[in-house]
Amino acid sequence: MDLNKAIQSRKSVRKFTSEKPDWRDIIECIDSARYAPLAGEIPTLKFILISDKEKIKMISEASQQDFISEAHYVVAVVSKPDLTIKSFGERGEIYARQQAGASIQNFLLSLEEKKLATCWIGYFVEKQIKELLKIPDNANVEAIFPIGYEMRKQKISKKPSLDSCLFFDKFGNKKMSGTKRLDV
């Protein structure tokens, strides 16, 4: 799949078919997350692939989002920022979060390429997720991803225009300085 097509077609899906994805495809997508930038070459992320239906139901409850329980698999993304904090002080926490975002984007684009669907879940009771998945206290649950096949193709939601989010040289400046109009 073309990268731009994957970027533009990726969307959040909350309705899955009953068809069970191949777990090996999900592992390949998780593998793509390893290639994201690392602050100080210090890896901080861990991925937990959950197939246990009872655990998935409990994750759905901890997230207060019923559709999660319909997924055959859920991936929990966890960061352990201890080493980045040790290396970079309090900025290490920021770097670990940036690394998580970049890794998750790789993961999402790989899922799109494999025609798998998901929704980035950031709302959940972290304490419940940690207890359920035996995640240590010094780790952060970054996000939860229910994974399946999309029930029906839905329209891609409207994204902000480039004009609304691009500035030049300073915040709020919508014009590039020093450029001349070319008449061809």
Protein backbone atom coordinates (compact mmCIF):
# COMPACT_ATOMS: atom_id res chain seq x y z
CA MET A 1 0.00 0.00 0.00
CA ASP A 2 1.21 3.50 -0.82
CA LEU A 3 2.19 5.43 2.36
CA ASN A 4 0.07 8.50 1.53
CA LYS A 5 -2.94 6.28 0.84
CA ALA A 6 -2.45 4.54 4.19
CA ILE A 7 -2.15 7.87 6.02
CA GLN A 8 -5.25 9.31 4.36
CA SER A 9 -7.42 6.19 4.66
CA ARG A 10 -6.63 5.36 8.30
CA LYS A 11 -9.62 5.98 10.57
CA SER A 12 -11.12 4.95 13.90
CA VAL A 13 -13.40 1.93 13.64
CA ARG A 14 -15.84 0.90 16.37
CA LYS A 15 -17.77 -1.88 14.63
CA PHE A 16 -16.04 -5.14 13.79
CA THR A 17 -17.07 -8.22 11.82
CA SER A 18 -17.11 -11.63 13.50
CA GLU A 19 -14.13 -12.71 11.36
CA LYS A 20 -11.07 -13.31 13.52
CA PRO A 21 -7.82 -11.73 12.28
CA ASP A 22 -4.62 -13.75 12.11
CA TRP A 23 -2.67 -12.89 15.26
CA ARG A 24 0.57 -13.15 13.26
CA ASP A 25 -0.52 -10.11 11.21
CA ILE A 26 -0.94 -8.13 14.42
CA ILE A 27 2.53 -9.15 15.58
CA GLU A 28 3.97 -7.94 12.26
CA CYS A 29 2.26 -4.59 12.87
CA ILE A 30 3.68 -4.42 16.38
CA ASP A 31 7.10 -5.14 14.90
CA SER A 32 6.85 -2.01 12.74
CA ALA A 33 6.62 0.08 15.92
CA ARG A 34 10.25 -0.79 16.74
CA TYR A 35 11.43 1.42 13.87
CA ALA A 36 10.18 4.68 15.37
CA PRO A 37 12.75 7.21 16.67
CA LEU A 38 14.15 6.53 20.15
CA ALA A 39 15.40 9.25 22.48
CA GLY A 40 19.00 8.33 23.27
CA GLU A 41 18.39 4.97 21.53
CA ILE A 42 16.57 3.90 24.71
CA PRO A 43 13.53 1.71 23.98
CA THR A 44 10.67 2.35 26.40
CA LEU A 45 7.65 0.61 24.84
CA LYS A 46 6.11 -2.78 25.49
CA PHE A 47 3.10 -4.26 23.71
CA ILE A 48 0.65 -6.71 25.24
CA LEU A 49 -1.45 -8.74 22.77
CA ILE A 50 -4.63 -9.86 24.52
CA SER A 51 -6.86 -12.62 23.15
CA ASP A 52 -8.54 -13.75 26.37
CA LYS A 53 -12.24 -12.83 25.90
CA GLU A 54 -12.80 -12.29 29.63
CA LYS A 55 -9.86 -9.88 29.83
CA ILE A 56 -11.10 -8.06 26.72
CA LYS A 57 -14.52 -7.70 28.38
CA MET A 58 -12.87 -6.26 31.49
CA ILE A 59 -10.81 -3.84 29.37
CA SER A 60 -14.06 -2.75 27.71
CA GLU A 61 -15.55 -2.09 31.15
CA ALA A 62 -12.44 -0.22 32.36
CA SER A 63 -12.69 1.93 29.22
CA GLN A 64 -16.48 2.35 29.44
CA GLN A 65 -16.66 1.54 25.73
CA ASP A 66 -18.78 -1.51 24.95
CA PHE A 67 -17.55 -1.99 21.37
CA ILE A 68 -14.12 -3.08 22.64
CA SER A 69 -15.65 -6.35 23.85
CA GLU A 70 -16.54 -7.22 20.22
CA ALA A 71 -12.87 -7.31 19.17
CA HIS A 72 -11.06 -10.65 18.95
CA TYR A 73 -7.79 -9.01 20.00
CA VAL A 74 -6.73 -5.97 21.99
CA VAL A 75 -3.26 -4.49 22.10
CA ALA A 76 -2.18 -2.50 25.16
CA VAL A 77 0.77 -0.17 24.61
CA VAL A 78 2.82 0.39 27.75
CA SER A 79 5.85 2.62 28.33
CA LYS A 80 8.50 2.30 30.99
CA PRO A 81 10.21 5.70 31.00
CA ASP A 82 12.65 5.00 33.87
CA LEU A 83 15.78 4.90 31.68
CA THR A 84 14.84 7.98 29.64
CA ILE A 85 14.15 9.88 32.87
CA LYS A 86 17.50 8.69 34.26
CA SER A 87 19.26 9.88 31.08
CA PHE A 88 17.35 13.12 30.41
CA GLY A 89 15.84 14.13 33.75
CA GLU A 90 12.20 15.18 33.78
CA ARG A 91 12.28 15.72 29.98
CA GLY A 92 12.73 11.95 29.71
CA GLU A 93 9.01 11.53 30.47
CA ILE A 94 8.19 13.78 27.50
CA TYR A 95 10.60 11.90 25.25
CA ALA A 96 9.04 8.57 26.25
CA ARG A 97 5.58 9.93 25.36
CA GLN A 98 6.86 11.23 22.03
CA GLN A 99 8.40 7.84 21.30
CA ALA A 100 5.09 6.18 22.15
CA GLY A 101 3.21 8.43 19.71
CA ALA A 102 5.66 7.78 16.88
CA SER A 103 5.65 4.02 17.52
CA ILE A 104 1.87 3.91 17.71
CA GLN A 105 1.59 5.74 14.38
CA ASN A 106 3.83 3.09 12.76
CA PHE A 107 1.61 0.42 14.31
CA LEU A 108 -1.60 2.09 13.07
CA LEU A 109 -0.29 2.49 9.52
CA SER A 110 0.80 -1.15 9.47
CA LEU A 111 -2.67 -2.22 10.60
CA GLU A 112 -4.15 -0.12 7.78
CA GLU A 113 -1.84 -1.79 5.27
CA LYS A 114 -3.04 -5.22 6.45
CA LYS A 115 -6.68 -4.06 6.18
CA LEU A 116 -7.15 -4.42 9.94
CA ALA A 117 -9.24 -1.90 11.84
CA THR A 118 -8.87 -0.31 15.24
CA CYS A 119 -9.69 2.71 17.36
CA TRP A 120 -7.13 4.50 19.53
CA ILE A 121 -8.50 4.28 23.08
CA GLY A 122 -6.99 6.77 25.49
CA TYR A 123 -9.81 6.88 28.02
CA PHE A 124 -9.67 4.11 30.62
CA VAL A 125 -9.14 3.56 34.32
CA GLU A 126 -5.40 2.91 34.25
CA LYS A 127 -5.34 1.25 37.66
CA GLN A 128 -7.83 -1.39 36.49
CA ILE A 129 -5.89 -2.07 33.28
CA LYS A 130 -2.62 -2.35 35.22
CA GLU A 131 -4.10 -4.81 37.72
CA LEU A 132 -5.72 -6.92 34.99
CA LEU A 133 -2.57 -7.14 32.84
CA LYS A 134 -0.05 -7.24 35.73
CA ILE A 135 1.62 -4.02 34.56
CA PRO A 136 4.15 -2.63 37.09
CA ASP A 137 3.56 0.67 38.87
CA ASN A 138 6.54 2.35 37.17
CA ALA A 139 4.94 1.87 33.73
CA ASN A 140 2.31 3.93 31.91
CA VAL A 141 -0.54 2.53 29.85
CA GLU A 142 -0.29 4.75 26.79
CA ALA A 143 -3.27 3.41 24.83
CA ILE A 144 -5.51 0.46 24.11
CA PHE A 145 -6.29 -0.82 20.59
CA PRO A 146 -9.16 -3.24 19.89
CA ILE A 147 -8.40 -4.95 16.57
CA GLY A 148 -10.63 -6.61 14.02
CA TYR A 149 -12.03 -6.20 10.53
CA GLU A 150 -14.25 -3.23 9.81
CA MET A 151 -17.97 -4.10 9.82
CA ARG A 152 -18.77 -1.85 6.88
CA LYS A 153 -16.73 0.71 5.07
CA GLN A 154 -17.41 4.09 6.57
CA LYS A 155 -16.66 7.49 5.25
CA ILE A 156 -13.35 8.95 6.37
CA SER A 157 -14.00 11.81 8.77
CA LYS A 158 -13.15 15.30 7.60
CA LYS A 159 -9.68 16.36 8.65
CA PRO A 160 -8.56 19.96 9.25
CA SER A 161 -7.31 21.83 6.21
CA LEU A 162 -3.58 22.43 5.82
CA ASP A 163 -4.30 26.18 5.98
CA SER A 164 -5.75 25.80 9.46
CA CYS A 165 -2.65 24.16 10.94
CA LEU A 166 0.39 25.51 9.04
CA PHE A 167 2.28 28.65 10.06
CA PHE A 168 5.58 30.12 8.84
CA ASP A 169 8.44 31.38 11.02
CA LYS A 170 6.14 32.08 14.02
CA PHE A 171 2.85 30.96 15.47
CA GLY A 172 -0.09 32.51 13.64
CA ASN A 173 1.82 33.67 10.54
CA LYS A 174 0.04 32.24 7.50
CA LYS A 175 2.40 33.58 4.83
CA MET A 176 5.89 32.43 3.90
CA SER A 177 8.26 35.37 3.94
CA GLY A 178 10.81 35.98 1.24
CA THR A 179 8.95 34.16 -1.47
CA LYS A 180 8.11 35.74 -4.77
CA ARG A 181 5.31 34.82 -7.06
CA LEU A 182 6.53 33.14 -10.19
CA ASP A 183 4.73 33.92 -13.38
CA VAL A 184 5.11 31.05 -15.76
